[in-house]
């Protein structure tokens, strides 16, 4: 069984940012964590629509 969510980018160590992609919908999510706190939100284009990654071998 393949994982539904795939991490495609990450930066930082103690405080970090990640980009995750939902393999079923292609929607990208931004995750930020610092210490014991974190948050997740859809990544949006300038017009307010979600960033969508087309299906591909890495997704």
PDB file of N, CA and C in Angstrom:
ATOM      1  N   UNK A   1       0.837  -1.185   0.000  1.00  0.00           N
ATOM      2  CA  UNK A   1       0.000   0.000   0.000  1.00  0.00           C
ATOM      3  C   UNK A   1       0.885   1.252   0.000  1.00  0.00           C
ATOM      4  N   UNK A   2       0.621   2.152  -0.940  1.00  0.00           N
ATOM      5  CA  UNK A   2       1.400   3.385  -1.020  1.00  0.00           C
ATOM      6  C   UNK A   2       0.857   4.418  -0.039  1.00  0.00           C
ATOM      7  N   UNK A   3       1.748   5.267   0.436  1.00  0.00           N
ATOM      8  CA  UNK A   3       1.344   6.337   1.341  1.00  0.00           C
ATOM      9  C   UNK A   3       0.546   7.382   0.586  1.00  0.00           C
ATOM     10  N   UNK A   4      -0.484   7.922   1.240  1.00  0.00           N
ATOM     11  CA  UNK A   4      -1.301   8.952   0.603  1.00  0.00           C
ATOM     12  C   UNK A   4      -0.570  10.285   0.545  1.00  0.00           C
ATOM     13  N   UNK A   5       0.164  10.641   1.594  1.00  0.00           N
ATOM     14  CA  UNK A   5       0.863  11.919   1.653  1.00  0.00           C
ATOM     15  C   UNK A   5       2.361  11.702   1.482  1.00  0.00           C
ATOM     16  N   UNK A   6       2.989  12.562   0.661  1.00  0.00           N
ATOM     17  CA  UNK A   6       4.414  12.465   0.373  1.00  0.00           C
ATOM     18  C   UNK A   6       5.062  13.815   0.668  1.00  0.00           C
ATOM     19  N   UNK A   7       6.161  13.797   1.432  1.00  0.00           N
ATOM     20  CA  UNK A   7       6.912  15.030   1.705  1.00  0.00           C
ATOM     21  C   UNK A   7       7.801  15.302   0.505  1.00  0.00           C
ATOM     22  N   UNK A   8       7.637  16.504  -0.113  1.00  0.00           N
ATOM     23  CA  UNK A   8       8.432  16.812  -1.301  1.00  0.00           C
ATOM     24  C   UNK A   8       9.494  17.873  -1.044  1.00  0.00           C
ATOM     25  N   UNK A   9       9.434  18.566   0.115  1.00  0.00           N
ATOM     26  CA  UNK A   9      10.444  19.572   0.430  1.00  0.00           C
ATOM     27  C   UNK A   9      10.514  19.740   1.934  1.00  0.00           C
ATOM     28  N   UNK A  10      11.702  20.019   2.446  1.00  0.00           N
ATOM     29  CA  UNK A  10      11.894  20.238   3.872  1.00  0.00           C
ATOM     30  C   UNK A  10      13.111  21.127   4.066  1.00  0.00           C
ATOM     31  N   UNK A  11      13.009  22.056   5.021  1.00  0.00           N
ATOM     32  CA  UNK A  11      14.162  22.884   5.376  1.00  0.00           C
ATOM     33  C   UNK A  11      14.067  23.263   6.842  1.00  0.00           C
ATOM     34  N   UNK A  12      15.221  23.402   7.460  1.00  0.00           N
ATOM     35  CA  UNK A  12      15.290  23.768   8.866  1.00  0.00           C
ATOM     36  C   UNK A  12      15.604  22.562   9.740  1.00  0.00           C
ATOM     37  N   UNK A  13      15.870  22.839  11.018  1.00  0.00           N
ATOM     38  CA  UNK A  13      16.202  21.770  11.959  1.00  0.00           C
ATOM     39  C   UNK A  13      15.297  21.838  13.190  1.00  0.00           C
ATOM     40  N   UNK A  14      15.527  22.791  14.085  1.00  0.00           N
ATOM     41  CA  UNK A  14      14.675  22.902  15.277  1.00  0.00           C
ATOM     42  C   UNK A  14      13.329  23.533  14.946  1.00  0.00           C
ATOM     43  N   UNK A  15      13.344  24.495  14.053  1.00  0.00           N
ATOM     44  CA  UNK A  15      12.129  25.086  13.511  1.00  0.00           C
ATOM     45  C   UNK A  15      12.168  24.769  12.019  1.00  0.00           C
ATOM     46  N   UNK A  16      11.136  24.107  11.504  1.00  0.00           N
ATOM     47  CA  UNK A  16      11.242  23.665  10.120  1.00  0.00           C
ATOM     48  C   UNK A  16       9.945  23.850   9.337  1.00  0.00           C
ATOM     49  N   UNK A  17      10.117  23.900   8.018  1.00  0.00           N
ATOM     50  CA  UNK A  17       9.011  24.007   7.068  1.00  0.00           C
ATOM     51  C   UNK A  17       9.056  22.796   6.147  1.00  0.00           C
ATOM     52  N   UNK A  18       7.873  22.272   5.810  1.00  0.00           N
ATOM     53  CA  UNK A  18       7.786  21.146   4.888  1.00  0.00           C
ATOM     54  C   UNK A  18       6.640  21.365   3.915  1.00  0.00           C
ATOM     55  N   UNK A  19       6.766  20.804   2.731  1.00  0.00           N
ATOM     56  CA  UNK A  19       5.684  20.782   1.761  1.00  0.00           C
ATOM     57  C   UNK A  19       5.288  19.324   1.584  1.00  0.00           C
ATOM     58  N   UNK A  20       4.001  19.043   1.755  1.00  0.00           N
ATOM     59  CA  UNK A  20       3.452  17.698   1.592  1.00  0.00           C
ATOM     60  C   UNK A  20       2.449  17.703   0.449  1.00  0.00           C
ATOM     61  N   UNK A  21       2.362  16.600  -0.291  1.00  0.00           N
ATOM     62  CA  UNK A  21       1.399  16.469  -1.387  1.00  0.00           C
ATOM     63  C   UNK A  21       0.481  15.292  -1.100  1.00  0.00           C
ATOM     64  N   UNK A  22      -0.827  15.538  -1.255  1.00  0.00           N
ATOM     65  CA  UNK A  22      -1.831  14.475  -1.179  1.00  0.00           C
ATOM     66  C   UNK A  22      -1.819  13.761  -2.523  1.00  0.00           C
ATOM     67  N   UNK A  23      -1.418  12.514  -2.544  1.00  0.00           N
ATOM     68  CA  UNK A  23      -1.282  11.790  -3.803  1.00  0.00           C
ATOM     69  C   UNK A  23      -2.616  11.529  -4.485  1.00  0.00           C
ATOM     70  N   UNK A  24      -3.726  11.574  -3.757  1.00  0.00           N
ATOM     71  CA  UNK A  24      -5.042  11.353  -4.369  1.00  0.00           C
ATOM     72  C   UNK A  24      -5.577  12.598  -5.061  1.00  0.00           C
ATOM     73  N   UNK A  25      -5.353  13.758  -4.457  1.00  0.00           N
ATOM     74  CA  UNK A  25      -5.910  15.001  -5.005  1.00  0.00           C
ATOM     75  C   UNK A  25      -4.860  15.882  -5.679  1.00  0.00           C
ATOM     76  N   UNK A  26      -3.574  15.694  -5.343  1.00  0.00           N
ATOM     77  CA  UNK A  26      -2.507  16.540  -5.854  1.00  0.00           C
ATOM     78  C   UNK A  26      -2.346  17.843  -5.095  1.00  0.00           C
ATOM     79  N   UNK A  27      -3.206  18.110  -4.110  1.00  0.00           N
ATOM     80  CA  UNK A  27      -3.145  19.362  -3.348  1.00  0.00           C
ATOM     81  C   UNK A  27      -1.881  19.376  -2.491  1.00  0.00           C
ATOM     82  N   UNK A  28      -1.195  20.536  -2.494  1.00  0.00           N
ATOM     83  CA  UNK A  28       0.029  20.743  -1.709  1.00  0.00           C
ATOM     84  C   UNK A  28      -0.337  21.391  -0.371  1.00  0.00           C
ATOM     85  N   UNK A  29       0.356  20.971   0.682  1.00  0.00           N
ATOM     86  CA  UNK A  29       0.143  21.519   2.025  1.00  0.00           C
ATOM     87  C   UNK A  29       1.463  22.024   2.580  1.00  0.00           C
ATOM     88  N   UNK A  30       1.396  23.141   3.316  1.00  0.00           N
ATOM     89  CA  UNK A  30       2.552  23.725   3.985  1.00  0.00           C
ATOM     90  C   UNK A  30       2.457  23.379   5.460  1.00  0.00           C
ATOM     91  N   UNK A  31       3.526  22.798   6.005  1.00  0.00           N
ATOM     92  CA  UNK A  31       3.590  22.448   7.422  1.00  0.00           C
ATOM     93  C   UNK A  31       4.759  23.177   8.056  1.00  0.00           C
ATOM     94  N   UNK A  32       4.500  23.867   9.174  1.00  0.00           N
ATOM     95  CA  UNK A  32       5.567  24.543   9.923  1.00  0.00           C
ATOM     96  C   UNK A  32       5.517  24.031  11.354  1.00  0.00           C
ATOM     97  N   UNK A  33       6.693  23.720  11.911  1.00  0.00           N
ATOM     98  CA  UNK A  33       6.783  23.284  13.298  1.00  0.00           C
ATOM     99  C   UNK A  33       7.942  23.990  13.977  1.00  0.00           C
ATOM    100  N   UNK A  34       7.706  24.322  15.241  1.00  0.00           N
ATOM    101  CA  UNK A  34       8.726  24.952  16.062  1.00  0.00           C
ATOM    102  C   UNK A  34       8.498  24.501  17.498  1.00  0.00           C
ATOM    103  N   UNK A  35       9.479  23.805  18.068  1.00  0.00           N
ATOM    104  CA  UNK A  35       9.304  23.284  19.415  1.00  0.00           C
ATOM    105  C   UNK A  35       8.182  22.263  19.448  1.00  0.00           C
ATOM    106  N   UNK A  36       7.220  22.480  20.363  1.00  0.00           N
ATOM    107  CA  UNK A  36       6.091  21.559  20.499  1.00  0.00           C
ATOM    108  C   UNK A  36       4.852  22.047  19.742  1.00  0.00           C
ATOM    109  N   UNK A  37       4.992  23.086  18.925  1.00  0.00           N
ATOM    110  CA  UNK A  37       3.848  23.634  18.188  1.00  0.00           C
ATOM    111  C   UNK A  37       4.046  23.430  16.690  1.00  0.00           C
ATOM    112  N   UNK A  38       2.940  23.349  15.974  1.00  0.00           N
ATOM    113  CA  UNK A  38       3.016  23.194  14.525  1.00  0.00           C
ATOM    114  C   UNK A  38       1.685  23.529  13.892  1.00  0.00           C
ATOM    115  N   UNK A  39       1.701  23.703  12.591  1.00  0.00           N
ATOM    116  CA  UNK A  39       0.471  23.998  11.878  1.00  0.00           C
ATOM    117  C   UNK A  39       0.548  23.522  10.444  1.00  0.00           C
ATOM    118  N   UNK A  40      -0.604  23.198   9.886  1.00  0.00           N
ATOM    119  CA  UNK A  40      -0.719  22.692   8.526  1.00  0.00           C
ATOM    120  C   UNK A  40      -1.802  23.481   7.809  1.00  0.00           C
ATOM    121  N   UNK A  41      -1.518  23.897   6.568  1.00  0.00           N
ATOM    122  CA  UNK A  41      -2.498  24.640   5.783  1.00  0.00           C
ATOM    123  C   UNK A  41      -2.293  24.329   4.307  1.00  0.00           C
ATOM    124  N   UNK A  42      -3.362  24.390   3.509  1.00  0.00           N
ATOM    125  CA  UNK A  42      -3.154  24.205   2.066  1.00  0.00           C
ATOM    126  C   UNK A  42      -2.262  25.314   1.523  1.00  0.00           C
ATOM    127  N   UNK A  43      -1.408  24.990   0.591  1.00  0.00           N
ATOM    128  CA  UNK A  43      -0.553  25.972  -0.080  1.00  0.00           C
ATOM    129  C   UNK A  43      -1.382  26.577  -1.209  1.00  0.00           C
ATOM    130  N   UNK A  44      -1.478  27.918  -1.263  1.00  0.00           N
ATOM    131  CA  UNK A  44      -2.360  28.590  -2.214  1.00  0.00           C
ATOM    132  C   UNK A  44      -1.605  29.370  -3.274  1.00  0.00           C
ATOM    133  N   UNK A  45      -2.185  29.421  -4.468  1.00  0.00           N
ATOM    134  CA  UNK A  45      -1.698  30.287  -5.540  1.00  0.00           C
ATOM    135  C   UNK A  45      -2.106  31.720  -5.234  1.00  0.00           C
ATOM    136  N   UNK A  46      -1.612  32.677  -5.999  1.00  0.00           N
ATOM    137  CA  UNK A  46      -1.926  34.091  -5.786  1.00  0.00           C
ATOM    138  C   UNK A  46      -3.423  34.372  -5.895  1.00  0.00           C
ATOM    139  N   UNK A  47      -4.151  33.580  -6.714  1.00  0.00           N
ATOM    140  CA  UNK A  47      -5.591  33.803  -6.877  1.00  0.00           C
ATOM    141  C   UNK A  47      -6.429  33.085  -5.824  1.00  0.00           C
ATOM    142  N   UNK A  48      -5.785  32.420  -4.847  1.00  0.00           N
ATOM    143  CA  UNK A  48      -6.498  31.767  -3.750  1.00  0.00           C
ATOM    144  C   UNK A  48      -6.841  30.310  -3.999  1.00  0.00           C
ATOM    145  N   UNK A  49      -6.542  29.789  -5.179  1.00  0.00           N
ATOM    146  CA  UNK A  49      -6.794  28.374  -5.457  1.00  0.00           C
ATOM    147  C   UNK A  49      -5.639  27.539  -4.916  1.00  0.00           C
ATOM    148  N   UNK A  50      -5.914  26.286  -4.544  1.00  0.00           N
ATOM    149  CA  UNK A  50      -4.832  25.452  -4.013  1.00  0.00           C
ATOM    150  C   UNK A  50      -3.790  25.108  -5.072  1.00  0.00           C
ATOM    151  N   UNK A  51      -2.533  25.012  -4.637  1.00  0.00           N
ATOM    152  CA  UNK A  51      -1.462  24.540  -5.506  1.00  0.00           C
ATOM    153  C   UNK A  51      -1.661  23.045  -5.690  1.00  0.00           C
ATOM    154  N   UNK A  52      -1.720  22.593  -6.931  1.00  0.00           N
ATOM    155  CA  UNK A  52      -1.938  21.184  -7.246  1.00  0.00           C
ATOM    156  C   UNK A  52      -0.755  20.671  -8.066  1.00  0.00           C
ATOM    157  N   UNK A  53      -0.168  19.568  -7.613  1.00  0.00           N
ATOM    158  CA  UNK A  53       0.922  18.916  -8.317  1.00  0.00           C
ATOM    159  C   UNK A  53       0.324  17.817  -9.194  1.00  0.00           C
ATOM    160  N   UNK A  54       0.560  17.868 -10.514  1.00  0.00           N
ATOM    161  CA  UNK A  54       0.048  16.810 -11.385  1.00  0.00           C
ATOM    162  C   UNK A  54       0.645  15.461 -10.996  1.00  0.00           C
ATOM    163  N   UNK A  55      -0.102  14.383 -11.168  1.00  0.00           N
ATOM    164  CA  UNK A  55       0.431  13.054 -10.832  1.00  0.00           C
ATOM    165  C   UNK A  55       1.706  12.763 -11.622  1.00  0.00           C
ATOM    166  N   UNK A  56       2.632  12.109 -10.988  1.00  0.00           N
ATOM    167  CA  UNK A  56       3.889  11.748 -11.642  1.00  0.00           C
ATOM    168  C   UNK A  56       4.549  10.624 -10.872  1.00  0.00           C
ATOM    169  N   UNK A  57       5.671  10.154 -11.336  1.00  0.00           N
ATOM    170  CA  UNK A  57       6.330   9.014 -10.686  1.00  0.00           C
ATOM    171  C   UNK A  57       6.790   9.299  -9.254  1.00  0.00           C
ATOM    172  N   UNK A  58       7.101  10.574  -8.946  1.00  0.00           N
ATOM    173  CA  UNK A  58       7.571  10.906  -7.584  1.00  0.00           C
ATOM    174  C   UNK A  58       6.413  11.097  -6.612  1.00  0.00           C
ATOM    175  N   UNK A  59       5.176  11.168  -7.109  1.00  0.00           N
ATOM    176  CA  UNK A  59       4.019  11.393  -6.236  1.00  0.00           C
ATOM    177  C   UNK A  59       3.363  10.097  -5.854  1.00  0.00           C
TER     178      UNK A  59
END
